[in-house]
Amino acid sequence: MKGSDWKPGAIVLAIYQGNWAFGGFTTLNYGSEEIQIENFRKTLPRACLGGLVISAIIYVLVNVSYFAILTPKEIIDSSAVATTFIQRTVGNGAAFAVPAVVGFLLIGTLNGDVFSWSRFTLTSIIFAFLGDTDQLVDYLNVVGMLTTVFALLVLVIIKWKKMPIASDPVKYSIFWPILNLIIMIALLVIPIQQDPISSIIGFSMFLAGVVVYFVVKFIVTHTEFLGVIDRKLTHFCQILTWTIVDSGPEEKTHM
């Protein structure tokens, strides 16, 4: 298309910005305990692949619809492409309903975020003072990708050394986590060159979280009464929510 930027850096940044639309699959990592154990090995891959495919189809169809009705200049100049699209296809009257429809759609996103990242809800209030929406997306993308990179790195090590982690793990080739790791590293490196400030802030947020985690872990481990509180609170939450702590491969807990 005329005026398109086909440089590798621009393509990676486009993928980087669109990555958020496909981020819902990570909720599976936090909600895996909700999957019935007898269907776990089938349900998890189906949910992950099904969600990605459905999101990709909808994403492509929406963008094709935009380009079929709007010119590239209209898309670039528009402050809200969906509103401009509705104005051209339905009329100005229906365009006022777009913000409400978007708000309803975001309820699903909020539901997934609260389900998986509920402890971060209050912290998000602070982000409102850090900059505009695009900057916040960049910060959170960096933090999320760094988390994914380290998780994939650990997963590759586990698969490579064949460490026993779970009694009945989901089995797949080591090729997939390695491929995902390479893609995630590429999606991190190029944005660092294009927008170093946002990347540095995202890295700082990630490192701050790592430091706080190890400090709290050290204090709890080396302070007896905090360890007792941690165990009692864990036991109470297990009774309250009818759940159990994840066990190692050598342990099998029967309800």
C-alpha atoms as a PDB file:
ATOM      1  CA  MET A   1       0.000   0.000   0.000  1.00  0.00           C
ATOM      2  CA  LYS A   2       1.243   3.480  -0.860  1.00  0.00           C
ATOM      3  CA  GLY A   3       2.839   5.225   2.103  1.00  0.00           C
ATOM      4  CA  SER A   4       3.392   1.999   4.067  1.00  0.00           C
ATOM      5  CA  ASP A   5       6.629   1.529   5.978  1.00  0.00           C
ATOM      6  CA  TRP A   6       8.044  -1.945   5.329  1.00  0.00           C
ATOM      7  CA  LYS A   7      11.193  -1.564   7.408  1.00  0.00           C
ATOM      8  CA  PRO A   8      11.739  -4.458   9.871  1.00  0.00           C
ATOM      9  CA  GLY A   9      11.715  -2.072  12.826  1.00  0.00           C
ATOM     10  CA  ALA A  10       8.365  -0.586  11.800  1.00  0.00           C
ATOM     11  CA  ILE A  11       6.828  -4.044  11.288  1.00  0.00           C
ATOM     12  CA  VAL A  12       8.019  -5.234  14.704  1.00  0.00           C
ATOM     13  CA  LEU A  13       6.630  -2.078  16.347  1.00  0.00           C
ATOM     14  CA  ALA A  14       3.283  -2.710  14.636  1.00  0.00           C
ATOM     15  CA  ILE A  15       3.265  -6.261  16.007  1.00  0.00           C
ATOM     16  CA  TYR A  16       4.322  -4.857  19.380  1.00  0.00           C
ATOM     17  CA  GLN A  17       1.332  -2.491  19.477  1.00  0.00           C
ATOM     18  CA  GLY A  18      -1.096  -5.174  18.258  1.00  0.00           C
ATOM     19  CA  ASN A  19       0.190  -7.752  20.733  1.00  0.00           C
ATOM     20  CA  TRP A  20      -2.165  -6.470  23.440  1.00  0.00           C
ATOM     21  CA  ALA A  21      -5.209  -7.667  21.458  1.00  0.00           C
ATOM     22  CA  PHE A  22      -3.943 -11.253  21.749  1.00  0.00           C
ATOM     23  CA  GLY A  23      -2.802 -11.065  25.370  1.00  0.00           C
ATOM     24  CA  GLY A  24      -5.868 -12.804  26.767  1.00  0.00           C
ATOM     25  CA  PHE A  25      -4.295 -16.232  26.364  1.00  0.00           C
ATOM     26  CA  THR A  26      -2.016 -15.494  29.318  1.00  0.00           C
ATOM     27  CA  THR A  27      -5.086 -15.636  31.576  1.00  0.00           C
ATOM     28  CA  LEU A  28      -4.912 -19.409  31.117  1.00  0.00           C
ATOM     29  CA  ASN A  29      -1.650 -19.409  33.075  1.00  0.00           C
ATOM     30  CA  TYR A  30      -3.403 -17.906  36.080  1.00  0.00           C
ATOM     31  CA  GLY A  31      -6.671 -19.798  35.761  1.00  0.00           C
ATOM     32  CA  SER A  32      -5.361 -23.280  35.049  1.00  0.00           C
ATOM     33  CA  GLU A  33      -6.526 -24.450  38.489  1.00  0.00           C
ATOM     34  CA  GLU A  34     -10.128 -23.916  37.349  1.00  0.00           C
ATOM     35  CA  ILE A  35      -9.785 -26.566  34.612  1.00  0.00           C
ATOM     36  CA  GLN A  36     -10.984 -30.022  35.619  1.00  0.00           C
ATOM     37  CA  ILE A  37      -7.958 -32.269  35.973  1.00  0.00           C
ATOM     38  CA  GLU A  38      -9.353 -35.114  33.830  1.00  0.00           C
ATOM     39  CA  ASN A  39      -9.732 -32.745  30.845  1.00  0.00           C
ATOM     40  CA  PHE A  40      -6.699 -30.571  31.527  1.00  0.00           C
ATOM     41  CA  ARG A  41      -4.380 -31.831  28.777  1.00  0.00           C
ATOM     42  CA  LYS A  42      -7.087 -31.374  26.133  1.00  0.00           C
ATOM     43  CA  THR A  43      -8.755 -28.216  27.413  1.00  0.00           C
ATOM     44  CA  LEU A  44      -5.633 -26.065  27.819  1.00  0.00           C
ATOM     45  CA  PRO A  45      -4.325 -26.369  24.217  1.00  0.00           C
ATOM     46  CA  ARG A  46      -7.862 -26.007  22.824  1.00  0.00           C
ATOM     47  CA  ALA A  47      -8.535 -22.875  24.848  1.00  0.00           C
ATOM     48  CA  CYS A  48      -5.175 -21.318  23.964  1.00  0.00           C
ATOM     49  CA  LEU A  49      -5.266 -22.062  20.221  1.00  0.00           C
ATOM     50  CA  GLY A  50      -8.998 -21.389  19.949  1.00  0.00           C
ATOM     51  CA  GLY A  51      -8.683 -17.988  21.605  1.00  0.00           C
ATOM     52  CA  LEU A  52      -5.735 -16.977  19.418  1.00  0.00           C
ATOM     53  CA  VAL A  53      -7.424 -18.097  16.189  1.00  0.00           C
ATOM     54  CA  ILE A  54     -10.733 -16.382  16.991  1.00  0.00           C
ATOM     55  CA  SER A  55      -8.925 -13.165  18.001  1.00  0.00           C
ATOM     56  CA  ALA A  56      -6.826 -13.246  14.813  1.00  0.00           C
ATOM     57  CA  ILE A  57      -9.874 -13.746  12.575  1.00  0.00           C
ATOM     58  CA  ILE A  58     -11.815 -10.907  14.213  1.00  0.00           C
ATOM     59  CA  TYR A  59      -8.739  -8.637  14.172  1.00  0.00           C
ATOM     60  CA  VAL A  60      -8.137  -9.239  10.449  1.00  0.00           C
ATOM     61  CA  LEU A  61     -11.817  -8.839   9.503  1.00  0.00           C
ATOM     62  CA  VAL A  62     -12.113  -5.555  11.387  1.00  0.00           C
ATOM     63  CA  ASN A  63      -8.998  -4.140   9.737  1.00  0.00           C
ATOM     64  CA  VAL A  64     -10.119  -5.310   6.285  1.00  0.00           C
ATOM     65  CA  SER A  65     -13.455  -3.555   6.908  1.00  0.00           C
ATOM     66  CA  TYR A  66     -11.647  -0.348   7.845  1.00  0.00           C
ATOM     67  CA  PHE A  67      -9.510  -0.362   4.712  1.00  0.00           C
ATOM     68  CA  ALA A  68     -12.500  -1.250   2.515  1.00  0.00           C
ATOM     69  CA  ILE A  69     -14.391   1.882   3.613  1.00  0.00           C
ATOM     70  CA  LEU A  70     -11.739   4.380   4.733  1.00  0.00           C
ATOM     71  CA  THR A  71      -8.699   5.698   2.940  1.00  0.00           C
ATOM     72  CA  PRO A  72      -5.267   5.414   4.589  1.00  0.00           C
ATOM     73  CA  LYS A  73      -5.271   9.192   5.144  1.00  0.00           C
ATOM     74  CA  GLU A  74      -8.642   9.010   6.931  1.00  0.00           C
ATOM     75  CA  ILE A  75      -7.351   6.230   9.177  1.00  0.00           C
ATOM     76  CA  ILE A  76      -4.181   8.159  10.035  1.00  0.00           C
ATOM     77  CA  ASP A  77      -6.022  11.457  10.644  1.00  0.00           C
ATOM     78  CA  SER A  78      -8.838   9.892  12.675  1.00  0.00           C
ATOM     79  CA  SER A  79      -8.658  10.129  16.462  1.00  0.00           C
ATOM     80  CA  ALA A  80     -11.029   7.139  16.734  1.00  0.00           C
ATOM     81  CA  VAL A  81     -11.066   4.900  13.653  1.00  0.00           C
ATOM     82  CA  ALA A  82     -14.128   2.923  14.777  1.00  0.00           C
ATOM     83  CA  THR A  83     -16.154   6.146  15.130  1.00  0.00           C
ATOM     84  CA  THR A  84     -15.099   7.371  11.688  1.00  0.00           C
ATOM     85  CA  PHE A  85     -15.968   3.955  10.222  1.00  0.00           C
ATOM     86  CA  ILE A  86     -19.478   4.018  11.744  1.00  0.00           C
ATOM     87  CA  GLN A  87     -20.021   7.588  10.510  1.00  0.00           C
ATOM     88  CA  ARG A  88     -19.198   6.536   6.954  1.00  0.00           C
ATOM     89  CA  THR A  89     -21.270   3.325   6.981  1.00  0.00           C
ATOM     90  CA  VAL A  90     -24.268   3.989   9.261  1.00  0.00           C
ATOM     91  CA  GLY A  91     -24.355   7.719   9.904  1.00  0.00           C
ATOM     92  CA  ASN A  92     -23.459  10.323  12.486  1.00  0.00           C
ATOM     93  CA  GLY A  93     -26.273   9.298  14.830  1.00  0.00           C
ATOM     94  CA  ALA A  94     -24.928   5.784  15.429  1.00  0.00           C
ATOM     95  CA  ALA A  95     -21.392   7.086  15.941  1.00  0.00           C
ATOM     96  CA  PHE A  96     -22.343   8.337  19.412  1.00  0.00           C
ATOM     97  CA  ALA A  97     -22.952   4.737  20.488  1.00  0.00           C
ATOM     98  CA  VAL A  98     -19.372   3.640  19.691  1.00  0.00           C
ATOM     99  CA  PRO A  99     -17.836   4.688  23.046  1.00  0.00           C
ATOM    100  CA  ALA A 100     -20.594   2.805  24.903  1.00  0.00           C
ATOM    101  CA  VAL A 101     -20.083  -0.328  22.766  1.00  0.00           C
ATOM    102  CA  VAL A 102     -16.322  -0.166  23.309  1.00  0.00           C
ATOM    103  CA  GLY A 103     -16.950   0.203  27.040  1.00  0.00           C
ATOM    104  CA  PHE A 104     -19.136  -2.933  27.064  1.00  0.00           C
ATOM    105  CA  LEU A 105     -16.492  -4.867  25.128  1.00  0.00           C
ATOM    106  CA  LEU A 106     -13.826  -3.815  27.597  1.00  0.00           C
ATOM    107  CA  ILE A 107     -15.836  -5.422  30.405  1.00  0.00           C
ATOM    108  CA  GLY A 108     -14.579  -8.764  29.081  1.00  0.00           C
ATOM    109  CA  THR A 109     -11.003  -7.496  29.147  1.00  0.00           C
ATOM    110  CA  LEU A 110     -11.498  -6.134  32.661  1.00  0.00           C
ATOM    111  CA  ASN A 111     -12.946  -9.466  33.760  1.00  0.00           C
ATOM    112  CA  GLY A 112      -9.842 -11.303  32.551  1.00  0.00           C
ATOM    113  CA  ASP A 113      -7.512  -8.746  34.115  1.00  0.00           C
ATOM    114  CA  VAL A 114      -9.279  -8.799  37.487  1.00  0.00           C
ATOM    115  CA  PHE A 115      -9.334 -12.597  37.393  1.00  0.00           C
ATOM    116  CA  SER A 116      -5.613 -12.910  36.704  1.00  0.00           C
ATOM    117  CA  TRP A 117      -4.115  -9.646  37.976  1.00  0.00           C
ATOM    118  CA  SER A 118      -6.537  -8.688  40.731  1.00  0.00           C
ATOM    119  CA  ARG A 119      -3.768  -7.596  43.086  1.00  0.00           C
ATOM    120  CA  PHE A 120      -2.613  -4.990  40.550  1.00  0.00           C
ATOM    121  CA  THR A 121      -5.951  -3.162  40.342  1.00  0.00           C
ATOM    122  CA  LEU A 122      -5.116  -0.524  42.934  1.00  0.00           C
ATOM    123  CA  THR A 123      -1.620  -0.064  41.525  1.00  0.00           C
ATOM    124  CA  SER A 124      -3.143   0.836  38.148  1.00  0.00           C
ATOM    125  CA  ILE A 125      -4.466   4.057  39.699  1.00  0.00           C
ATOM    126  CA  ILE A 126      -0.860   5.288  39.932  1.00  0.00           C
ATOM    127  CA  PHE A 127      -0.339   4.666  36.206  1.00  0.00           C
ATOM    128  CA  ALA A 128      -2.912   7.354  35.377  1.00  0.00           C
ATOM    129  CA  PHE A 129      -0.337   9.978  36.375  1.00  0.00           C
ATOM    130  CA  LEU A 130       2.537   8.574  34.299  1.00  0.00           C
ATOM    131  CA  GLY A 131       1.487   9.647  30.772  1.00  0.00           C
ATOM    132  CA  ASP A 132      -0.952   9.029  27.939  1.00  0.00           C
ATOM    133  CA  THR A 133      -2.546   5.715  27.024  1.00  0.00           C
ATOM    134  CA  ASP A 134       0.030   4.758  24.375  1.00  0.00           C
ATOM    135  CA  GLN A 135       2.866   5.194  26.877  1.00  0.00           C
ATOM    136  CA  LEU A 136       1.057   3.081  29.467  1.00  0.00           C
ATOM    137  CA  VAL A 137       0.521   0.321  26.883  1.00  0.00           C
ATOM    138  CA  ASP A 138       4.251   0.462  26.053  1.00  0.00           C
ATOM    139  CA  TYR A 139       5.237   0.240  29.738  1.00  0.00           C
ATOM    140  CA  LEU A 140       2.954  -2.713  30.419  1.00  0.00           C
ATOM    141  CA  ASN A 141       3.974  -4.434  27.176  1.00  0.00           C
ATOM    142  CA  VAL A 142       7.624  -4.286  28.234  1.00  0.00           C
ATOM    143  CA  VAL A 143       6.832  -5.639  31.703  1.00  0.00           C
ATOM    144  CA  GLY A 144       4.583  -8.365  30.308  1.00  0.00           C
ATOM    145  CA  MET A 145       7.105  -9.421  27.660  1.00  0.00           C
ATOM    146  CA  LEU A 146       9.973  -9.480  30.148  1.00  0.00           C
ATOM    147  CA  THR A 147       7.880 -11.723  32.385  1.00  0.00           C
ATOM    148  CA  THR A 148       7.125 -13.974  29.418  1.00  0.00           C
ATOM    149  CA  VAL A 149      10.785 -14.059  28.303  1.00  0.00           C
ATOM    150  CA  PHE A 150      12.017 -15.201  31.716  1.00  0.00           C
ATOM    151  CA  ALA A 151       9.177 -17.717  32.057  1.00  0.00           C
ATOM    152  CA  LEU A 152      10.015 -19.143  28.615  1.00  0.00           C
ATOM    153  CA  LEU A 153      13.718 -19.233  29.478  1.00  0.00           C
ATOM    154  CA  VAL A 154      12.967 -21.254  32.609  1.00  0.00           C
ATOM    155  CA  LEU A 155      10.631 -23.499  30.610  1.00  0.00           C
ATOM    156  CA  VAL A 156      13.345 -24.174  28.023  1.00  0.00           C
ATOM    157  CA  ILE A 157      15.799 -25.091  30.798  1.00  0.00           C
ATOM    158  CA  ILE A 158      13.221 -27.400  32.392  1.00  0.00           C
ATOM    159  CA  LYS A 159      12.488 -29.103  29.063  1.00  0.00           C
ATOM    160  CA  TRP A 160      16.181 -29.298  28.099  1.00  0.00           C
ATOM    161  CA  LYS A 161      17.236 -30.887  31.410  1.00  0.00           C
ATOM    162  CA  LYS A 162      14.009 -32.912  31.656  1.00  0.00           C
ATOM    163  CA  MET A 163      13.302 -31.750  35.192  1.00  0.00           C
ATOM    164  CA  PRO A 164      10.266 -33.402  36.843  1.00  0.00           C
ATOM    165  CA  ILE A 165       7.890 -30.551  37.722  1.00  0.00           C
ATOM    166  CA  ALA A 166       4.380 -31.991  37.540  1.00  0.00           C
ATOM    167  CA  SER A 167       3.004 -35.499  37.789  1.00  0.00           C
ATOM    168  CA  ASP A 168       0.981 -35.207  34.558  1.00  0.00           C
ATOM    169  CA  PRO A 169       2.332 -32.306  32.467  1.00  0.00           C
ATOM    170  CA  VAL A 170       1.066 -31.101  29.096  1.00  0.00           C
ATOM    171  CA  LYS A 171       3.597 -32.506  26.599  1.00  0.00           C
ATOM    172  CA  TYR A 172       4.894 -30.648  23.535  1.00  0.00           C
ATOM    173  CA  SER A 173       8.138 -30.167  21.641  1.00  0.00           C
ATOM    174  CA  ILE A 174      10.871 -27.911  23.045  1.00  0.00           C
ATOM    175  CA  PHE A 175      10.865 -26.219  19.620  1.00  0.00           C
ATOM    176  CA  TRP A 176       7.768 -24.162  20.496  1.00  0.00           C
ATOM    177  CA  PRO A 177       9.041 -22.440  23.660  1.00  0.00           C
ATOM    178  CA  ILE A 178      12.390 -21.750  21.919  1.00  0.00           C
ATOM    179  CA  LEU A 179      10.586 -20.199  18.927  1.00  0.00           C
ATOM    180  CA  ASN A 180       8.371 -18.137  21.229  1.00  0.00           C
ATOM    181  CA  LEU A 181      11.420 -17.025  23.212  1.00  0.00           C
ATOM    182  CA  ILE A 182      13.198 -15.815  20.048  1.00  0.00           C
ATOM    183  CA  ILE A 183      10.101 -13.889  18.911  1.00  0.00           C
ATOM    184  CA  MET A 184       9.643 -12.266  22.324  1.00  0.00           C
ATOM    185  CA  ILE A 185      13.299 -11.202  22.490  1.00  0.00           C
ATOM    186  CA  ALA A 186      12.990  -9.639  19.007  1.00  0.00           C
ATOM    187  CA  LEU A 187       9.837  -7.805  20.108  1.00  0.00           C
ATOM    188  CA  LEU A 188      11.810  -6.409  23.053  1.00  0.00           C
ATOM    189  CA  VAL A 189      15.090  -5.464  21.341  1.00  0.00           C
ATOM    190  CA  ILE A 190      13.720  -3.428  18.431  1.00  0.00           C
ATOM    191  CA  PRO A 191      11.367  -1.234  20.531  1.00  0.00           C
ATOM    192  CA  ILE A 192      14.313  -0.465  22.813  1.00  0.00           C
ATOM    193  CA  GLN A 193      16.090   1.083  19.827  1.00  0.00           C
ATOM    194  CA  GLN A 194      12.968   2.958  18.676  1.00  0.00           C
ATOM    195  CA  ASP A 195      11.720   4.222  22.059  1.00  0.00           C
ATOM    196  CA  PRO A 196      14.414   3.762  24.726  1.00  0.00           C
ATOM    197  CA  ILE A 197      12.701   5.927  27.365  1.00  0.00           C
ATOM    198  CA  SER A 198       9.512   3.829  27.520  1.00  0.00           C
ATOM    199  CA  SER A 199      11.620   0.652  27.457  1.00  0.00           C
ATOM    200  CA  ILE A 200      13.838   1.850  30.321  1.00  0.00           C
ATOM    201  CA  ILE A 201      10.765   2.702  32.416  1.00  0.00           C
ATOM    202  CA  GLY A 202       9.256  -0.717  31.675  1.00  0.00           C
ATOM    203  CA  PHE A 203      12.541  -2.461  32.588  1.00  0.00           C
ATOM    204  CA  SER A 204      12.690  -0.433  35.816  1.00  0.00           C
ATOM    205  CA  MET A 205       9.161  -1.483  36.765  1.00  0.00           C
ATOM    206  CA  PHE A 206      10.050  -5.121  36.138  1.00  0.00           C
ATOM    207  CA  LEU A 207      13.299  -4.965  38.119  1.00  0.00           C
ATOM    208  CA  ALA A 208      11.542  -3.165  40.985  1.00  0.00           C
ATOM    209  CA  GLY A 209       9.060  -6.030  41.162  1.00  0.00           C
ATOM    210  CA  VAL A 210      11.877  -8.610  41.167  1.00  0.00           C
ATOM    211  CA  VAL A 211      13.706  -6.801  43.970  1.00  0.00           C
ATOM    212  CA  VAL A 212      10.562  -6.470  46.089  1.00  0.00           C
ATOM    213  CA  TYR A 213       9.764 -10.171  45.559  1.00  0.00           C
ATOM    214  CA  PHE A 214      13.181 -11.370  46.748  1.00  0.00           C
ATOM    215  CA  VAL A 215      13.243  -8.932  49.681  1.00  0.00           C
ATOM    216  CA  VAL A 216       9.823 -10.100  50.890  1.00  0.00           C
ATOM    217  CA  LYS A 217      10.774 -13.740  50.264  1.00  0.00           C
ATOM    218  CA  PHE A 218      13.967 -13.320  52.293  1.00  0.00           C
ATOM    219  CA  ILE A 219      12.141 -11.632  55.177  1.00  0.00           C
ATOM    220  CA  VAL A 220       9.406 -14.281  55.299  1.00  0.00           C
ATOM    221  CA  THR A 221      11.930 -17.138  55.070  1.00  0.00           C
ATOM    222  CA  HIS A 222      14.203 -15.788  57.813  1.00  0.00           C
ATOM    223  CA  THR A 223      11.518 -14.493  60.164  1.00  0.00           C
ATOM    224  CA  GLU A 224       9.732 -17.242  62.032  1.00  0.00           C
ATOM    225  CA  PHE A 225       6.534 -15.435  62.974  1.00  0.00           C
ATOM    226  CA  LEU A 226       6.024 -14.204  59.398  1.00  0.00           C
ATOM    227  CA  GLY A 227       6.464 -17.771  58.174  1.00  0.00           C
ATOM    228  CA  VAL A 228       3.803 -18.906  60.648  1.00  0.00           C
ATOM    229  CA  ILE A 229       1.459 -16.135  59.464  1.00  0.00           C
ATOM    230  CA  ASP A 230       2.100 -17.125  55.848  1.00  0.00           C
ATOM    231  CA  ARG A 231       1.279 -20.784  56.509  1.00  0.00           C
ATOM    232  CA  LYS A 232      -1.818 -19.989  58.571  1.00  0.00           C
ATOM    233  CA  LEU A 233      -3.081 -17.527  55.977  1.00  0.00           C
ATOM    234  CA  THR A 234      -2.454 -20.040  53.185  1.00  0.00           C
ATOM    235  CA  HIS A 235      -4.358 -22.708  55.107  1.00  0.00           C
ATOM    236  CA  PHE A 236      -7.234 -20.305  55.778  1.00  0.00           C
ATOM    237  CA  CYS A 237      -7.455 -19.299  52.103  1.00  0.00           C
ATOM    238  CA  GLN A 238      -7.452 -22.984  51.087  1.00  0.00           C
ATOM    239  CA  ILE A 239     -10.446 -23.629  53.337  1.00  0.00           C
ATOM    240  CA  LEU A 240     -12.190 -20.411  52.281  1.00  0.00           C
ATOM    241  CA  THR A 241     -11.788 -20.930  48.519  1.00  0.00           C
ATOM    242  CA  TRP A 242     -11.834 -24.752  48.526  1.00  0.00           C
ATOM    243  CA  THR A 243      -8.455 -25.008  46.804  1.00  0.00           C
ATOM    244  CA  ILE A 244      -5.103 -26.680  47.423  1.00  0.00           C
ATOM    245  CA  VAL A 245      -1.507 -25.566  47.011  1.00  0.00           C
ATOM    246  CA  ASP A 246       0.107 -26.915  43.836  1.00  0.00           C
ATOM    247  CA  SER A 247       2.091 -30.049  44.669  1.00  0.00           C
ATOM    248  CA  GLY A 248       5.272 -31.434  43.143  1.00  0.00           C
ATOM    249  CA  PRO A 249       5.470 -34.503  40.896  1.00  0.00           C
ATOM    250  CA  GLU A 250       6.143 -36.789  43.821  1.00  0.00           C
ATOM    251  CA  GLU A 251       3.014 -35.663  45.647  1.00  0.00           C
ATOM    252  CA  LYS A 252      -0.510 -36.582  44.663  1.00  0.00           C
ATOM    253  CA  THR A 253      -3.299 -35.016  46.653  1.00  0.00           C
ATOM    254  CA  HIS A 254      -6.690 -36.691  46.750  1.00  0.00           C
ATOM    255  CA  MET A 255      -9.747 -34.609  47.513  1.00  0.00           C
END
